[in-house]
Amino acid sequence: MGLFTVAEARAVLADLMPVLHDIVRLRADAAELAAAVSPGGGPSRLGGLPEWKAAQAELDELLTSVQQTGAELKGFAPLLVDFPSDLDGAPVLLCWLEGDTELSWYHRLDLGFAGRRRLA
């Protein structure tokens, strides 16, 4: 996959938002189910081992669908999605973090998340 313009990345993110919300929900369900099936874990209203395996499989499918857009998954908890781009001739990653309402951040490749800046 190539580079995204800011407009393209925002359009892809808008399409991905339902998927990202599903990932967050399933992440919580999988964590609860994993605790329930671990030694000494208590029961879960969500089920047991079959439900945990199903949640893991669905999470894998959703994460793959994000990556197939050309976006890069950089974090799972919290969810962090980067879109390779170019701003003013410099390679950057347009950066969406779980809880952001829109794509409004970027960082240089060499600085990582700590170098996040707001898009103009």
N, C-alpha and C. Protein backbone atom coordinates (compact mmCIF):
# COMPACT_ATOMS: atom_id res chain seq x y z
N MET A 1 0.84 -1.18 0.00
CA MET A 1 0.00 0.00 0.00
C MET A 1 0.90 1.25 0.00
N GLY A 2 0.36 2.31 -0.53
CA GLY A 2 1.13 3.54 -0.64
C GLY A 2 0.88 4.49 0.51
N LEU A 3 1.19 5.73 0.23
CA LEU A 3 1.00 6.78 1.22
C LEU A 3 -0.42 7.31 1.15
N PHE A 4 -0.90 7.79 2.26
CA PHE A 4 -2.23 8.39 2.36
C PHE A 4 -2.10 9.91 2.38
N THR A 5 -3.00 10.59 1.70
CA THR A 5 -3.16 12.02 1.96
C THR A 5 -3.95 12.13 3.25
N VAL A 6 -3.98 13.31 3.82
CA VAL A 6 -4.77 13.49 5.05
C VAL A 6 -6.24 13.18 4.76
N ALA A 7 -6.76 13.66 3.63
CA ALA A 7 -8.17 13.41 3.29
C ALA A 7 -8.44 11.92 3.11
N GLU A 8 -7.53 11.21 2.44
CA GLU A 8 -7.72 9.77 2.25
C GLU A 8 -7.69 9.03 3.59
N ALA A 9 -6.75 9.38 4.44
CA ALA A 9 -6.66 8.73 5.75
C ALA A 9 -7.91 8.99 6.57
N ARG A 10 -8.41 10.21 6.52
CA ARG A 10 -9.64 10.52 7.27
C ARG A 10 -10.82 9.73 6.73
N ALA A 11 -10.90 9.56 5.41
CA ALA A 11 -12.00 8.79 4.81
C ALA A 11 -11.90 7.31 5.21
N VAL A 12 -10.70 6.75 5.18
CA VAL A 12 -10.52 5.35 5.59
C VAL A 12 -10.85 5.20 7.07
N LEU A 13 -10.40 6.14 7.89
CA LEU A 13 -10.70 6.07 9.32
C LEU A 13 -12.20 6.12 9.57
N ALA A 14 -12.90 6.98 8.85
CA ALA A 14 -14.36 7.05 9.01
C ALA A 14 -15.00 5.71 8.69
N ASP A 15 -14.53 5.05 7.63
CA ASP A 15 -15.05 3.73 7.29
C ASP A 15 -14.68 2.69 8.33
N LEU A 16 -13.53 2.85 8.96
CA LEU A 16 -13.05 1.88 9.95
C LEU A 16 -13.65 2.07 11.34
N MET A 17 -14.25 3.21 11.62
CA MET A 17 -14.71 3.47 12.99
C MET A 17 -15.61 2.36 13.55
N PRO A 18 -16.58 1.83 12.80
CA PRO A 18 -17.37 0.72 13.37
C PRO A 18 -16.50 -0.49 13.71
N VAL A 19 -15.52 -0.78 12.88
CA VAL A 19 -14.61 -1.90 13.13
C VAL A 19 -13.78 -1.62 14.38
N LEU A 20 -13.27 -0.41 14.52
CA LEU A 20 -12.47 -0.05 15.69
C LEU A 20 -13.29 -0.13 16.97
N HIS A 21 -14.55 0.28 16.90
CA HIS A 21 -15.42 0.17 18.08
C HIS A 21 -15.65 -1.31 18.43
N ASP A 22 -15.81 -2.15 17.40
CA ASP A 22 -15.96 -3.59 17.64
C ASP A 22 -14.70 -4.18 18.27
N ILE A 23 -13.53 -3.74 17.82
CA ILE A 23 -12.28 -4.22 18.39
C ILE A 23 -12.21 -3.88 19.87
N VAL A 24 -12.56 -2.66 20.23
CA VAL A 24 -12.51 -2.24 21.63
C VAL A 24 -13.47 -3.09 22.47
N ARG A 25 -14.67 -3.32 21.95
CA ARG A 25 -15.66 -4.14 22.68
C ARG A 25 -15.16 -5.57 22.83
N LEU A 26 -14.68 -6.14 21.73
CA LEU A 26 -14.20 -7.52 21.78
C LEU A 26 -12.95 -7.67 22.63
N ARG A 27 -12.11 -6.66 22.65
CA ARG A 27 -10.91 -6.69 23.48
C ARG A 27 -11.31 -6.85 24.94
N ALA A 28 -12.32 -6.11 25.37
CA ALA A 28 -12.79 -6.20 26.75
C ALA A 28 -13.43 -7.57 27.02
N ASP A 29 -14.24 -8.04 26.08
CA ASP A 29 -14.86 -9.37 26.24
C ASP A 29 -13.79 -10.45 26.32
N ALA A 30 -12.79 -10.39 25.44
CA ALA A 30 -11.74 -11.41 25.43
C ALA A 30 -10.95 -11.39 26.74
N ALA A 31 -10.70 -10.20 27.27
CA ALA A 31 -9.97 -10.10 28.55
C ALA A 31 -10.78 -10.75 29.67
N GLU A 32 -12.08 -10.49 29.70
CA GLU A 32 -12.93 -11.09 30.73
C GLU A 32 -13.00 -12.60 30.58
N LEU A 33 -13.15 -13.05 29.34
CA LEU A 33 -13.22 -14.49 29.09
C LEU A 33 -11.90 -15.18 29.39
N ALA A 34 -10.78 -14.53 29.08
CA ALA A 34 -9.47 -15.10 29.39
C ALA A 34 -9.30 -15.28 30.89
N ALA A 35 -9.77 -14.30 31.65
CA ALA A 35 -9.71 -14.42 33.11
C ALA A 35 -10.58 -15.56 33.59
N ALA A 36 -11.75 -15.74 32.97
CA ALA A 36 -12.68 -16.78 33.39
C ALA A 36 -12.13 -18.18 33.11
N VAL A 37 -11.37 -18.34 32.04
CA VAL A 37 -10.86 -19.68 31.69
C VAL A 37 -9.48 -19.95 32.29
N SER A 38 -8.88 -18.96 32.92
CA SER A 38 -7.56 -19.18 33.53
C SER A 38 -7.74 -19.92 34.87
N PRO A 39 -6.68 -20.61 35.31
CA PRO A 39 -6.78 -21.31 36.59
C PRO A 39 -7.14 -20.33 37.71
N GLY A 40 -8.13 -20.69 38.46
CA GLY A 40 -8.59 -19.85 39.56
C GLY A 40 -9.51 -18.72 39.13
N GLY A 41 -9.78 -18.63 37.83
CA GLY A 41 -10.67 -17.58 37.33
C GLY A 41 -12.11 -17.88 37.70
N GLY A 42 -12.87 -16.84 37.88
CA GLY A 42 -14.27 -17.01 38.22
C GLY A 42 -15.13 -17.07 36.97
N PRO A 43 -16.38 -17.41 37.13
CA PRO A 43 -17.26 -17.50 35.98
C PRO A 43 -17.50 -16.12 35.34
N SER A 44 -17.83 -16.16 34.07
CA SER A 44 -18.17 -14.94 33.34
C SER A 44 -19.55 -15.09 32.74
N ARG A 45 -20.29 -14.03 32.75
CA ARG A 45 -21.62 -14.04 32.11
C ARG A 45 -21.48 -14.22 30.60
N LEU A 46 -20.26 -14.00 30.08
CA LEU A 46 -20.02 -14.09 28.64
C LEU A 46 -19.80 -15.52 28.17
N GLY A 47 -19.49 -16.43 29.10
CA GLY A 47 -19.27 -17.81 28.72
C GLY A 47 -17.94 -18.33 29.20
N GLY A 48 -17.37 -19.24 28.41
CA GLY A 48 -16.14 -19.89 28.80
C GLY A 48 -15.19 -20.03 27.62
N LEU A 49 -14.53 -21.17 27.55
CA LEU A 49 -13.49 -21.40 26.55
C LEU A 49 -13.98 -21.25 25.10
N PRO A 50 -15.14 -21.82 24.74
CA PRO A 50 -15.58 -21.64 23.35
C PRO A 50 -15.81 -20.17 22.98
N GLU A 51 -16.38 -19.41 23.90
CA GLU A 51 -16.63 -18.00 23.64
C GLU A 51 -15.33 -17.20 23.58
N TRP A 52 -14.36 -17.58 24.42
CA TRP A 52 -13.05 -16.93 24.38
C TRP A 52 -12.37 -17.17 23.04
N LYS A 53 -12.39 -18.42 22.58
CA LYS A 53 -11.79 -18.74 21.28
C LYS A 53 -12.50 -18.00 20.14
N ALA A 54 -13.82 -17.90 20.23
CA ALA A 54 -14.59 -17.19 19.19
C ALA A 54 -14.24 -15.70 19.20
N ALA A 55 -14.10 -15.12 20.39
CA ALA A 55 -13.75 -13.70 20.49
C ALA A 55 -12.36 -13.47 19.91
N GLN A 56 -11.42 -14.36 20.19
CA GLN A 56 -10.06 -14.24 19.65
C GLN A 56 -10.08 -14.31 18.12
N ALA A 57 -10.86 -15.24 17.58
CA ALA A 57 -10.94 -15.40 16.12
C ALA A 57 -11.55 -14.16 15.48
N GLU A 58 -12.60 -13.62 16.09
CA GLU A 58 -13.23 -12.42 15.55
C GLU A 58 -12.29 -11.22 15.64
N LEU A 59 -11.56 -11.11 16.75
CA LEU A 59 -10.58 -10.03 16.89
C LEU A 59 -9.52 -10.13 15.79
N ASP A 60 -9.03 -11.33 15.53
CA ASP A 60 -8.03 -11.51 14.46
C ASP A 60 -8.58 -11.04 13.12
N GLU A 61 -9.82 -11.38 12.82
CA GLU A 61 -10.44 -10.95 11.56
C GLU A 61 -10.55 -9.43 11.47
N LEU A 62 -10.98 -8.81 12.57
CA LEU A 62 -11.13 -7.36 12.57
C LEU A 62 -9.79 -6.66 12.44
N LEU A 63 -8.78 -7.15 13.14
CA LEU A 63 -7.45 -6.55 13.06
C LEU A 63 -6.88 -6.69 11.65
N THR A 64 -7.12 -7.83 11.02
CA THR A 64 -6.68 -8.04 9.65
C THR A 64 -7.38 -7.08 8.70
N SER A 65 -8.66 -6.85 8.92
CA SER A 65 -9.40 -5.93 8.05
C SER A 65 -8.87 -4.51 8.15
N VAL A 66 -8.40 -4.10 9.33
CA VAL A 66 -7.78 -2.78 9.48
C VAL A 66 -6.49 -2.73 8.68
N GLN A 67 -5.66 -3.75 8.83
CA GLN A 67 -4.37 -3.77 8.14
C GLN A 67 -4.53 -3.82 6.62
N GLN A 68 -5.58 -4.44 6.14
CA GLN A 68 -5.79 -4.55 4.70
C GLN A 68 -6.07 -3.20 4.04
N THR A 69 -6.39 -2.19 4.82
CA THR A 69 -6.61 -0.85 4.27
C THR A 69 -5.29 -0.13 4.00
N GLY A 70 -4.20 -0.67 4.51
CA GLY A 70 -2.90 0.01 4.43
C GLY A 70 -2.55 0.74 5.71
N ALA A 71 -3.50 0.83 6.63
CA ALA A 71 -3.23 1.42 7.94
C ALA A 71 -2.36 0.46 8.74
N GLU A 72 -1.62 1.01 9.70
CA GLU A 72 -0.73 0.21 10.54
C GLU A 72 -1.27 0.21 11.97
N LEU A 73 -1.48 -0.98 12.52
CA LEU A 73 -1.87 -1.10 13.92
C LEU A 73 -0.61 -1.03 14.77
N LYS A 74 -0.53 -0.01 15.60
CA LYS A 74 0.67 0.19 16.42
C LYS A 74 0.41 -0.11 17.89
N GLY A 75 -0.84 -0.19 18.28
CA GLY A 75 -1.16 -0.49 19.68
C GLY A 75 -2.50 -1.16 19.76
N PHE A 76 -2.65 -2.00 20.79
CA PHE A 76 -3.89 -2.75 20.97
C PHE A 76 -4.68 -2.26 22.18
N ALA A 77 -3.98 -1.84 23.22
CA ALA A 77 -4.64 -1.33 24.41
C ALA A 77 -3.78 -0.22 25.01
N PRO A 78 -4.00 1.01 24.66
CA PRO A 78 -5.10 1.50 23.82
C PRO A 78 -4.82 1.26 22.33
N LEU A 79 -5.89 1.25 21.58
CA LEU A 79 -5.83 1.05 20.14
C LEU A 79 -5.16 2.26 19.50
N LEU A 80 -4.17 1.99 18.66
CA LEU A 80 -3.42 3.05 17.99
C LEU A 80 -3.26 2.65 16.52
N VAL A 81 -3.70 3.53 15.63
CA VAL A 81 -3.66 3.27 14.19
C VAL A 81 -2.91 4.41 13.51
N ASP A 82 -1.91 4.05 12.70
CA ASP A 82 -1.13 5.03 11.95
C ASP A 82 -1.37 4.85 10.46
N PHE A 83 -1.31 5.96 9.74
CA PHE A 83 -1.45 5.99 8.29
C PHE A 83 -0.19 6.61 7.71
N PRO A 84 0.62 5.84 6.96
CA PRO A 84 1.82 6.42 6.36
C PRO A 84 1.46 7.58 5.44
N SER A 85 2.21 8.66 5.53
CA SER A 85 1.90 9.85 4.76
C SER A 85 3.18 10.64 4.52
N ASP A 86 2.98 11.79 3.90
CA ASP A 86 4.08 12.70 3.61
C ASP A 86 3.54 14.11 3.83
N LEU A 87 4.17 14.85 4.72
CA LEU A 87 3.78 16.24 4.95
C LEU A 87 4.96 17.13 4.65
N ASP A 88 4.77 18.04 3.74
CA ASP A 88 5.83 18.99 3.35
C ASP A 88 7.13 18.28 3.00
N GLY A 89 7.01 17.14 2.30
CA GLY A 89 8.19 16.41 1.86
C GLY A 89 8.85 15.52 2.90
N ALA A 90 8.28 15.46 4.08
CA ALA A 90 8.85 14.61 5.14
C ALA A 90 7.93 13.41 5.39
N PRO A 91 8.50 12.21 5.52
CA PRO A 91 7.68 11.05 5.83
C PRO A 91 7.15 11.13 7.26
N VAL A 92 5.85 10.94 7.41
CA VAL A 92 5.19 11.01 8.72
C VAL A 92 4.18 9.88 8.82
N LEU A 93 3.68 9.71 10.02
CA LEU A 93 2.55 8.83 10.26
C LEU A 93 1.42 9.67 10.80
N LEU A 94 0.28 9.65 10.10
CA LEU A 94 -0.93 10.27 10.61
C LEU A 94 -1.44 9.33 11.69
N CYS A 95 -1.79 9.86 12.83
CA CYS A 95 -1.92 9.05 14.04
C CYS A 95 -3.30 9.20 14.67
N TRP A 96 -3.99 8.07 14.83
CA TRP A 96 -5.28 8.04 15.54
C TRP A 96 -5.12 7.17 16.77
N LEU A 97 -5.52 7.69 17.92
CA LEU A 97 -5.46 6.98 19.19
C LEU A 97 -6.88 6.76 19.70
N GLU A 98 -7.12 5.59 20.24
CA GLU A 98 -8.43 5.28 20.81
C GLU A 98 -8.90 6.45 21.68
N GLY A 99 -10.11 6.87 21.45
CA GLY A 99 -10.68 8.02 22.16
C GLY A 99 -10.68 9.28 21.32
N ASP A 100 -9.80 9.37 20.31
CA ASP A 100 -9.82 10.51 19.40
C ASP A 100 -11.11 10.46 18.58
N THR A 101 -11.71 11.60 18.35
CA THR A 101 -12.95 11.64 17.57
C THR A 101 -12.69 11.77 16.08
N GLU A 102 -11.45 12.16 15.73
CA GLU A 102 -11.08 12.29 14.32
C GLU A 102 -9.57 12.14 14.19
N LEU A 103 -9.11 12.09 12.96
CA LEU A 103 -7.68 12.01 12.69
C LEU A 103 -7.13 13.42 12.67
N SER A 104 -6.43 13.80 13.74
CA SER A 104 -5.95 15.17 13.83
C SER A 104 -4.52 15.27 14.35
N TRP A 105 -3.78 14.17 14.34
CA TRP A 105 -2.41 14.15 14.84
C TRP A 105 -1.49 13.47 13.84
N TYR A 106 -0.21 13.80 13.92
CA TYR A 106 0.82 13.12 13.13
C TYR A 106 2.11 13.12 13.94
N HIS A 107 3.04 12.28 13.51
CA HIS A 107 4.38 12.35 14.07
C HIS A 107 5.39 11.90 13.02
N ARG A 108 6.59 12.44 13.14
CA ARG A 108 7.67 12.03 12.25
C ARG A 108 8.02 10.57 12.54
N LEU A 109 8.50 9.88 11.53
CA LEU A 109 8.87 8.48 11.69
C LEU A 109 9.94 8.29 12.76
N ASP A 110 10.90 9.18 12.80
CA ASP A 110 12.02 9.02 13.73
C ASP A 110 11.69 9.44 15.16
N LEU A 111 10.55 10.09 15.37
CA LEU A 111 10.21 10.56 16.72
C LEU A 111 9.19 9.66 17.42
N GLY A 112 8.40 8.95 16.65
CA GLY A 112 7.40 8.08 17.25
C GLY A 112 6.30 8.87 17.95
N PHE A 113 5.53 8.14 18.75
CA PHE A 113 4.35 8.71 19.40
C PHE A 113 4.67 9.91 20.27
N ALA A 114 5.84 9.92 20.89
CA ALA A 114 6.22 11.02 21.78
C ALA A 114 6.32 12.35 21.01
N GLY A 115 6.52 12.25 19.69
CA GLY A 115 6.63 13.46 18.87
C GLY A 115 5.34 13.87 18.19
N ARG A 116 4.20 13.41 18.72
CA ARG A 116 2.90 13.74 18.12
C ARG A 116 2.67 15.23 18.08
N ARG A 117 2.17 15.68 16.95
CA ARG A 117 1.79 17.08 16.79
C ARG A 117 0.42 17.13 16.12
N ARG A 118 -0.30 18.21 16.41
CA ARG A 118 -1.62 18.39 15.82
C ARG A 118 -1.48 18.80 14.35
N LEU A 119 -2.29 18.21 13.50
CA LEU A 119 -2.32 18.61 12.09
C LEU A 119 -2.80 20.04 11.96
N ALA A 120 -2.25 20.76 11.01
CA ALA A 120 -2.66 22.15 10.79
C ALA A 120 -4.08 22.22 10.24
